[in-house]
């Protein structure tokens, strides 16, 4: 089963201003990043989240018999038939996979205390979504201070925002849904232009050359 209308959806999203499809595309990017991280402790929570999101069916299949030895999905490009190599889902998922590889390499560069503090903030059920975004932004700013400077700022922000979400969910798997949606909202509000350009450029460039460290 293919994601309905994926080609036209992303074409509109890339060419026009912010609209109702923005969150849908960012959902796919963040979900793909989390799913392609090499090690995580929230498999069940991610599977449940995938059932709730408008992401391609091939990302929602049973995890138990689809994992590769490195923890990634062996059914990555399969959805019951041949997939268009230029499909929009594949472009986003390629970007997510490459960013996840960078995240794996930098996973230990984020101080555990920063993750613990952010997880504690997300455990506060009285926080508004705006407050959660502010806490995520503050944690991201701290993480960027110790991150290597040889990567463009927007790319660093995008990768670290998703990596922080992964590490908070690793810390407390029950927080996955909240931290996922906050991260999607943060990216949509702060990095939408960068993600648009990244997707557009992938059409004529190699993915790894665009998102590699």
C-alpha atoms as a PDB file:
ATOM      1  CA  UNK A   1       0.000   0.000   0.000  1.00  0.00           C
ATOM      2  CA  UNK A   2       1.450   3.351  -1.031  1.00  0.00           C
ATOM      3  CA  UNK A   3       1.043   6.603   0.815  1.00  0.00           C
ATOM      4  CA  UNK A   4      -1.923   8.180  -1.012  1.00  0.00           C
ATOM      5  CA  UNK A   5      -1.076  11.196  -3.106  1.00  0.00           C
ATOM      6  CA  UNK A   6       2.539  11.323  -1.992  1.00  0.00           C
ATOM      7  CA  UNK A   7       3.924  12.821  -5.197  1.00  0.00           C
ATOM      8  CA  UNK A   8       1.427  15.649  -5.469  1.00  0.00           C
ATOM      9  CA  UNK A   9       1.548  16.271  -1.731  1.00  0.00           C
ATOM     10  CA  UNK A  10       5.268  16.874  -1.638  1.00  0.00           C
ATOM     11  CA  UNK A  11       5.299  18.809  -4.892  1.00  0.00           C
ATOM     12  CA  UNK A  12       2.783  21.252  -3.436  1.00  0.00           C
ATOM     13  CA  UNK A  13       4.621  21.381  -0.140  1.00  0.00           C
ATOM     14  CA  UNK A  14       7.984  22.173  -1.727  1.00  0.00           C
ATOM     15  CA  UNK A  15       6.692  24.831  -4.077  1.00  0.00           C
ATOM     16  CA  UNK A  16       4.197  26.672  -1.901  1.00  0.00           C
ATOM     17  CA  UNK A  17       4.259  28.381   1.476  1.00  0.00           C
ATOM     18  CA  UNK A  18       3.520  26.740   4.794  1.00  0.00           C
ATOM     19  CA  UNK A  19       0.324  24.745   4.557  1.00  0.00           C
ATOM     20  CA  UNK A  20      -1.604  21.789   5.971  1.00  0.00           C
ATOM     21  CA  UNK A  21       0.832  19.252   4.476  1.00  0.00           C
ATOM     22  CA  UNK A  22       3.866  20.602   6.333  1.00  0.00           C
ATOM     23  CA  UNK A  23       3.287  18.555   9.462  1.00  0.00           C
ATOM     24  CA  UNK A  24       2.599  15.431   7.434  1.00  0.00           C
ATOM     25  CA  UNK A  25       5.965  15.639   5.710  1.00  0.00           C
ATOM     26  CA  UNK A  26       7.792  16.458   8.933  1.00  0.00           C
ATOM     27  CA  UNK A  27       6.044  13.517  10.595  1.00  0.00           C
ATOM     28  CA  UNK A  28       7.579  11.230   7.994  1.00  0.00           C
ATOM     29  CA  UNK A  29      11.040  12.751   8.391  1.00  0.00           C
ATOM     30  CA  UNK A  30      11.119  12.476  12.188  1.00  0.00           C
ATOM     31  CA  UNK A  31       9.489   9.033  12.205  1.00  0.00           C
ATOM     32  CA  UNK A  32      12.002   7.800   9.615  1.00  0.00           C
ATOM     33  CA  UNK A  33      14.900   9.209  11.640  1.00  0.00           C
ATOM     34  CA  UNK A  34      13.781   7.428  14.807  1.00  0.00           C
ATOM     35  CA  UNK A  35      13.144   4.186  12.989  1.00  0.00           C
ATOM     36  CA  UNK A  36      16.567   4.217  11.332  1.00  0.00           C
ATOM     37  CA  UNK A  37      18.598   4.885  14.475  1.00  0.00           C
ATOM     38  CA  UNK A  38      20.755   1.831  15.141  1.00  0.00           C
ATOM     39  CA  UNK A  39      19.763   1.297  18.770  1.00  0.00           C
ATOM     40  CA  UNK A  40      16.716   2.405  20.696  1.00  0.00           C
ATOM     41  CA  UNK A  41      14.523   1.134  23.515  1.00  0.00           C
ATOM     42  CA  UNK A  42      11.114   2.259  22.289  1.00  0.00           C
ATOM     43  CA  UNK A  43      10.283  -0.269  19.550  1.00  0.00           C
ATOM     44  CA  UNK A  44       6.770  -0.938  20.836  1.00  0.00           C
ATOM     45  CA  UNK A  45       5.988   2.744  21.348  1.00  0.00           C
ATOM     46  CA  UNK A  46       7.277   3.621  17.871  1.00  0.00           C
ATOM     47  CA  UNK A  47       5.175   0.910  16.285  1.00  0.00           C
ATOM     48  CA  UNK A  48       2.080   2.201  18.065  1.00  0.00           C
ATOM     49  CA  UNK A  49       2.899   5.757  17.008  1.00  0.00           C
ATOM     50  CA  UNK A  50       3.321   4.655  13.407  1.00  0.00           C
ATOM     51  CA  UNK A  51      -0.212   3.297  13.404  1.00  0.00           C
ATOM     52  CA  UNK A  52      -1.511   6.735  14.338  1.00  0.00           C
ATOM     53  CA  UNK A  53       0.450   8.761  11.798  1.00  0.00           C
ATOM     54  CA  UNK A  54      -0.166   9.402   8.083  1.00  0.00           C
ATOM     55  CA  UNK A  55       3.059   7.617   7.101  1.00  0.00           C
ATOM     56  CA  UNK A  56       3.509   4.975   4.377  1.00  0.00           C
ATOM     57  CA  UNK A  57       2.243   1.508   5.163  1.00  0.00           C
ATOM     58  CA  UNK A  58       5.685  -0.022   4.592  1.00  0.00           C
ATOM     59  CA  UNK A  59       6.909   1.889   7.653  1.00  0.00           C
ATOM     60  CA  UNK A  60       4.143   0.445   9.824  1.00  0.00           C
ATOM     61  CA  UNK A  61       4.686  -3.267   9.255  1.00  0.00           C
ATOM     62  CA  UNK A  62       5.471  -5.705  12.055  1.00  0.00           C
ATOM     63  CA  UNK A  63       8.908  -4.974  13.511  1.00  0.00           C
ATOM     64  CA  UNK A  64       9.615  -8.450  14.842  1.00  0.00           C
ATOM     65  CA  UNK A  65      10.335 -10.213  11.570  1.00  0.00           C
ATOM     66  CA  UNK A  66      11.525  -7.196   9.558  1.00  0.00           C
ATOM     67  CA  UNK A  67      14.618  -6.085  11.474  1.00  0.00           C
ATOM     68  CA  UNK A  68      18.027  -6.322   9.902  1.00  0.00           C
ATOM     69  CA  UNK A  69      21.052  -7.255  11.985  1.00  0.00           C
ATOM     70  CA  UNK A  70      21.880  -3.559  12.394  1.00  0.00           C
ATOM     71  CA  UNK A  71      18.396  -2.763  13.665  1.00  0.00           C
ATOM     72  CA  UNK A  72      17.104  -1.211  10.461  1.00  0.00           C
ATOM     73  CA  UNK A  73      14.219  -2.402   8.339  1.00  0.00           C
ATOM     74  CA  UNK A  74      14.993  -4.973   5.651  1.00  0.00           C
ATOM     75  CA  UNK A  75      11.626  -4.214   4.048  1.00  0.00           C
ATOM     76  CA  UNK A  76      12.661  -0.585   3.633  1.00  0.00           C
ATOM     77  CA  UNK A  77      11.712  -0.248  -0.033  1.00  0.00           C
ATOM     78  CA  UNK A  78       9.013  -2.920  -0.143  1.00  0.00           C
ATOM     79  CA  UNK A  79       5.292  -2.281   0.056  1.00  0.00           C
ATOM     80  CA  UNK A  80       3.940  -5.276  -1.824  1.00  0.00           C
ATOM     81  CA  UNK A  81       5.247  -4.265  -5.239  1.00  0.00           C
ATOM     82  CA  UNK A  82       7.899  -2.334  -7.100  1.00  0.00           C
ATOM     83  CA  UNK A  83       8.343   1.201  -5.790  1.00  0.00           C
ATOM     84  CA  UNK A  84       9.110   4.244  -7.886  1.00  0.00           C
ATOM     85  CA  UNK A  85      12.795   5.034  -7.254  1.00  0.00           C
ATOM     86  CA  UNK A  86      11.972   8.737  -7.295  1.00  0.00           C
ATOM     87  CA  UNK A  87       8.995   8.481  -4.945  1.00  0.00           C
ATOM     88  CA  UNK A  88       8.635  11.277  -2.436  1.00  0.00           C
ATOM     89  CA  UNK A  89       8.424   8.844   0.471  1.00  0.00           C
ATOM     90  CA  UNK A  90      11.789   7.428  -0.523  1.00  0.00           C
ATOM     91  CA  UNK A  91      13.391  10.867  -0.751  1.00  0.00           C
ATOM     92  CA  UNK A  92      12.268  11.782   2.753  1.00  0.00           C
ATOM     93  CA  UNK A  93      13.216   8.372   4.118  1.00  0.00           C
ATOM     94  CA  UNK A  94      16.651   8.562   2.489  1.00  0.00           C
ATOM     95  CA  UNK A  95      17.241  11.914   4.173  1.00  0.00           C
ATOM     96  CA  UNK A  96      16.016  10.506   7.491  1.00  0.00           C
ATOM     97  CA  UNK A  97      18.279   7.472   7.190  1.00  0.00           C
ATOM     98  CA  UNK A  98      21.371   9.545   6.421  1.00  0.00           C
ATOM     99  CA  UNK A  99      20.639  11.921   9.312  1.00  0.00           C
ATOM    100  CA  UNK A 100      20.128   8.911  11.605  1.00  0.00           C
ATOM    101  CA  UNK A 101      23.594   7.663  10.650  1.00  0.00           C
ATOM    102  CA  UNK A 102      25.052  11.032  11.642  1.00  0.00           C
ATOM    103  CA  UNK A 103      23.028  10.858  14.850  1.00  0.00           C
ATOM    104  CA  UNK A 104      24.414   7.411  15.635  1.00  0.00           C
ATOM    105  CA  UNK A 105      27.960   8.747  15.337  1.00  0.00           C
ATOM    106  CA  UNK A 106      27.214  11.725  17.586  1.00  0.00           C
ATOM    107  CA  UNK A 107      24.907   9.975  20.043  1.00  0.00           C
ATOM    108  CA  UNK A 108      27.403  10.048  22.900  1.00  0.00           C
ATOM    109  CA  UNK A 109      28.258  13.723  22.392  1.00  0.00           C
ATOM    110  CA  UNK A 110      25.064  14.831  24.147  1.00  0.00           C
ATOM    111  CA  UNK A 111      25.553  15.015  27.902  1.00  0.00           C
ATOM    112  CA  UNK A 112      23.285  12.597  29.823  1.00  0.00           C
ATOM    113  CA  UNK A 113      22.350  15.353  32.237  1.00  0.00           C
ATOM    114  CA  UNK A 114      20.896  17.387  29.390  1.00  0.00           C
ATOM    115  CA  UNK A 115      18.736  14.444  28.343  1.00  0.00           C
ATOM    116  CA  UNK A 116      17.668  13.758  31.936  1.00  0.00           C
ATOM    117  CA  UNK A 117      16.603  17.365  32.446  1.00  0.00           C
ATOM    118  CA  UNK A 118      14.666  17.460  29.185  1.00  0.00           C
ATOM    119  CA  UNK A 119      12.935  14.174  30.000  1.00  0.00           C
ATOM    120  CA  UNK A 120      11.952  15.546  33.410  1.00  0.00           C
ATOM    121  CA  UNK A 121      10.404  18.589  31.741  1.00  0.00           C
ATOM    122  CA  UNK A 122       8.365  16.403  29.402  1.00  0.00           C
ATOM    123  CA  UNK A 123       7.126  14.369  32.365  1.00  0.00           C
ATOM    124  CA  UNK A 124       5.369  17.491  33.676  1.00  0.00           C
ATOM    125  CA  UNK A 125       1.805  16.956  32.480  1.00  0.00           C
ATOM    126  CA  UNK A 126       0.955  20.583  33.219  1.00  0.00           C
ATOM    127  CA  UNK A 127       3.297  21.943  30.546  1.00  0.00           C
ATOM    128  CA  UNK A 128       1.741  23.437  27.445  1.00  0.00           C
ATOM    129  CA  UNK A 129       2.982  22.497  23.985  1.00  0.00           C
ATOM    130  CA  UNK A 130       4.589  25.940  23.746  1.00  0.00           C
ATOM    131  CA  UNK A 131       6.475  25.292  26.976  1.00  0.00           C
ATOM    132  CA  UNK A 132       7.673  21.931  25.657  1.00  0.00           C
ATOM    133  CA  UNK A 133       8.971  23.590  22.503  1.00  0.00           C
ATOM    134  CA  UNK A 134      10.817  26.161  24.608  1.00  0.00           C
ATOM    135  CA  UNK A 135      12.471  23.426  26.681  1.00  0.00           C
ATOM    136  CA  UNK A 136      13.430  21.539  23.527  1.00  0.00           C
ATOM    137  CA  UNK A 137      14.873  24.726  22.023  1.00  0.00           C
ATOM    138  CA  UNK A 138      16.879  25.420  25.198  1.00  0.00           C
ATOM    139  CA  UNK A 139      18.273  21.877  25.233  1.00  0.00           C
ATOM    140  CA  UNK A 140      19.087  22.153  21.535  1.00  0.00           C
ATOM    141  CA  UNK A 141      20.975  25.403  22.104  1.00  0.00           C
ATOM    142  CA  UNK A 142      23.064  23.749  24.813  1.00  0.00           C
ATOM    143  CA  UNK A 143      23.771  20.710  22.641  1.00  0.00           C
ATOM    144  CA  UNK A 144      24.899  22.885  19.742  1.00  0.00           C
ATOM    145  CA  UNK A 145      27.504  24.615  21.909  1.00  0.00           C
ATOM    146  CA  UNK A 146      29.537  21.410  22.119  1.00  0.00           C
ATOM    147  CA  UNK A 147      28.804  20.127  18.628  1.00  0.00           C
ATOM    148  CA  UNK A 148      31.478  20.265  15.877  1.00  0.00           C
ATOM    149  CA  UNK A 149      31.301  23.460  13.837  1.00  0.00           C
ATOM    150  CA  UNK A 150      32.038  21.903  10.443  1.00  0.00           C
ATOM    151  CA  UNK A 151      28.360  21.307   9.646  1.00  0.00           C
ATOM    152  CA  UNK A 152      25.971  24.030   8.528  1.00  0.00           C
ATOM    153  CA  UNK A 153      23.826  25.400  11.327  1.00  0.00           C
ATOM    154  CA  UNK A 154      20.437  24.342   9.967  1.00  0.00           C
ATOM    155  CA  UNK A 155      21.590  20.780   9.347  1.00  0.00           C
ATOM    156  CA  UNK A 156      23.008  20.606  12.865  1.00  0.00           C
ATOM    157  CA  UNK A 157      19.768  21.908  14.338  1.00  0.00           C
ATOM    158  CA  UNK A 158      17.657  19.438  12.384  1.00  0.00           C
ATOM    159  CA  UNK A 159      19.769  16.433  13.286  1.00  0.00           C
ATOM    160  CA  UNK A 160      20.211  17.379  16.947  1.00  0.00           C
ATOM    161  CA  UNK A 161      16.514  18.137  17.446  1.00  0.00           C
ATOM    162  CA  UNK A 162      15.644  14.641  16.246  1.00  0.00           C
ATOM    163  CA  UNK A 163      18.524  13.099  18.194  1.00  0.00           C
ATOM    164  CA  UNK A 164      17.317  14.771  21.387  1.00  0.00           C
ATOM    165  CA  UNK A 165      13.855  13.329  20.741  1.00  0.00           C
ATOM    166  CA  UNK A 166      15.406   9.887  20.297  1.00  0.00           C
ATOM    167  CA  UNK A 167      17.408  10.158  23.514  1.00  0.00           C
ATOM    168  CA  UNK A 168      14.450  11.409  25.571  1.00  0.00           C
ATOM    169  CA  UNK A 169      12.370   8.494  24.287  1.00  0.00           C
ATOM    170  CA  UNK A 170      15.261   6.151  25.098  1.00  0.00           C
ATOM    171  CA  UNK A 171      15.346   7.595  28.609  1.00  0.00           C
ATOM    172  CA  UNK A 172      11.570   7.220  29.084  1.00  0.00           C
ATOM    173  CA  UNK A 173       9.802   5.341  26.252  1.00  0.00           C
ATOM    174  CA  UNK A 174       6.375   6.508  27.436  1.00  0.00           C
ATOM    175  CA  UNK A 175       7.384  10.052  26.422  1.00  0.00           C
ATOM    176  CA  UNK A 176       7.837   9.112  22.751  1.00  0.00           C
ATOM    177  CA  UNK A 177       4.495  10.472  21.546  1.00  0.00           C
ATOM    178  CA  UNK A 178       4.871  13.825  23.304  1.00  0.00           C
ATOM    179  CA  UNK A 179       8.491  14.399  22.327  1.00  0.00           C
ATOM    180  CA  UNK A 180       7.779  13.290  18.762  1.00  0.00           C
ATOM    181  CA  UNK A 181       4.976  15.809  18.254  1.00  0.00           C
ATOM    182  CA  UNK A 182       6.936  18.605  19.943  1.00  0.00           C
ATOM    183  CA  UNK A 183       9.914  17.904  17.678  1.00  0.00           C
ATOM    184  CA  UNK A 184       7.684  17.902  14.599  1.00  0.00           C
ATOM    185  CA  UNK A 185       6.213  21.243  15.657  1.00  0.00           C
ATOM    186  CA  UNK A 186       9.656  22.698  16.374  1.00  0.00           C
ATOM    187  CA  UNK A 187      10.999  21.673  12.963  1.00  0.00           C
ATOM    188  CA  UNK A 188       7.882  22.952  11.209  1.00  0.00           C
ATOM    189  CA  UNK A 189       8.217  26.334  12.905  1.00  0.00           C
ATOM    190  CA  UNK A 190      11.983  26.802  12.715  1.00  0.00           C
ATOM    191  CA  UNK A 191      13.475  24.624   9.970  1.00  0.00           C
ATOM    192  CA  UNK A 192      10.766  24.296   7.348  1.00  0.00           C
ATOM    193  CA  UNK A 193      12.606  26.317   4.705  1.00  0.00           C
ATOM    194  CA  UNK A 194      15.761  24.259   5.198  1.00  0.00           C
ATOM    195  CA  UNK A 195      13.852  20.972   4.917  1.00  0.00           C
ATOM    196  CA  UNK A 196      12.079  22.231   1.787  1.00  0.00           C
ATOM    197  CA  UNK A 197      15.392  23.095   0.169  1.00  0.00           C
ATOM    198  CA  UNK A 198      16.953  19.817   1.251  1.00  0.00           C
ATOM    199  CA  UNK A 199      14.175  17.817  -0.388  1.00  0.00           C
ATOM    200  CA  UNK A 200      14.272  19.952  -3.530  1.00  0.00           C
ATOM    201  CA  UNK A 201      18.042  19.560  -3.865  1.00  0.00           C
ATOM    202  CA  UNK A 202      17.869  15.791  -3.425  1.00  0.00           C
ATOM    203  CA  UNK A 203      16.049  15.603  -6.753  1.00  0.00           C
ATOM    204  CA  UNK A 204      19.269  16.477  -8.565  1.00  0.00           C
ATOM    205  CA  UNK A 205      21.941  15.464  -6.061  1.00  0.00           C
ATOM    206  CA  UNK A 206      23.086  12.442  -4.122  1.00  0.00           C
ATOM    207  CA  UNK A 207      21.427  12.255  -0.699  1.00  0.00           C
ATOM    208  CA  UNK A 208      24.634  11.379   1.121  1.00  0.00           C
ATOM    209  CA  UNK A 209      26.400  14.450  -0.267  1.00  0.00           C
ATOM    210  CA  UNK A 210      23.664  16.683   1.109  1.00  0.00           C
ATOM    211  CA  UNK A 211      23.362  15.338   4.640  1.00  0.00           C
ATOM    212  CA  UNK A 212      26.717  13.708   5.323  1.00  0.00           C
ATOM    213  CA  UNK A 213      28.849  15.064   8.171  1.00  0.00           C
END
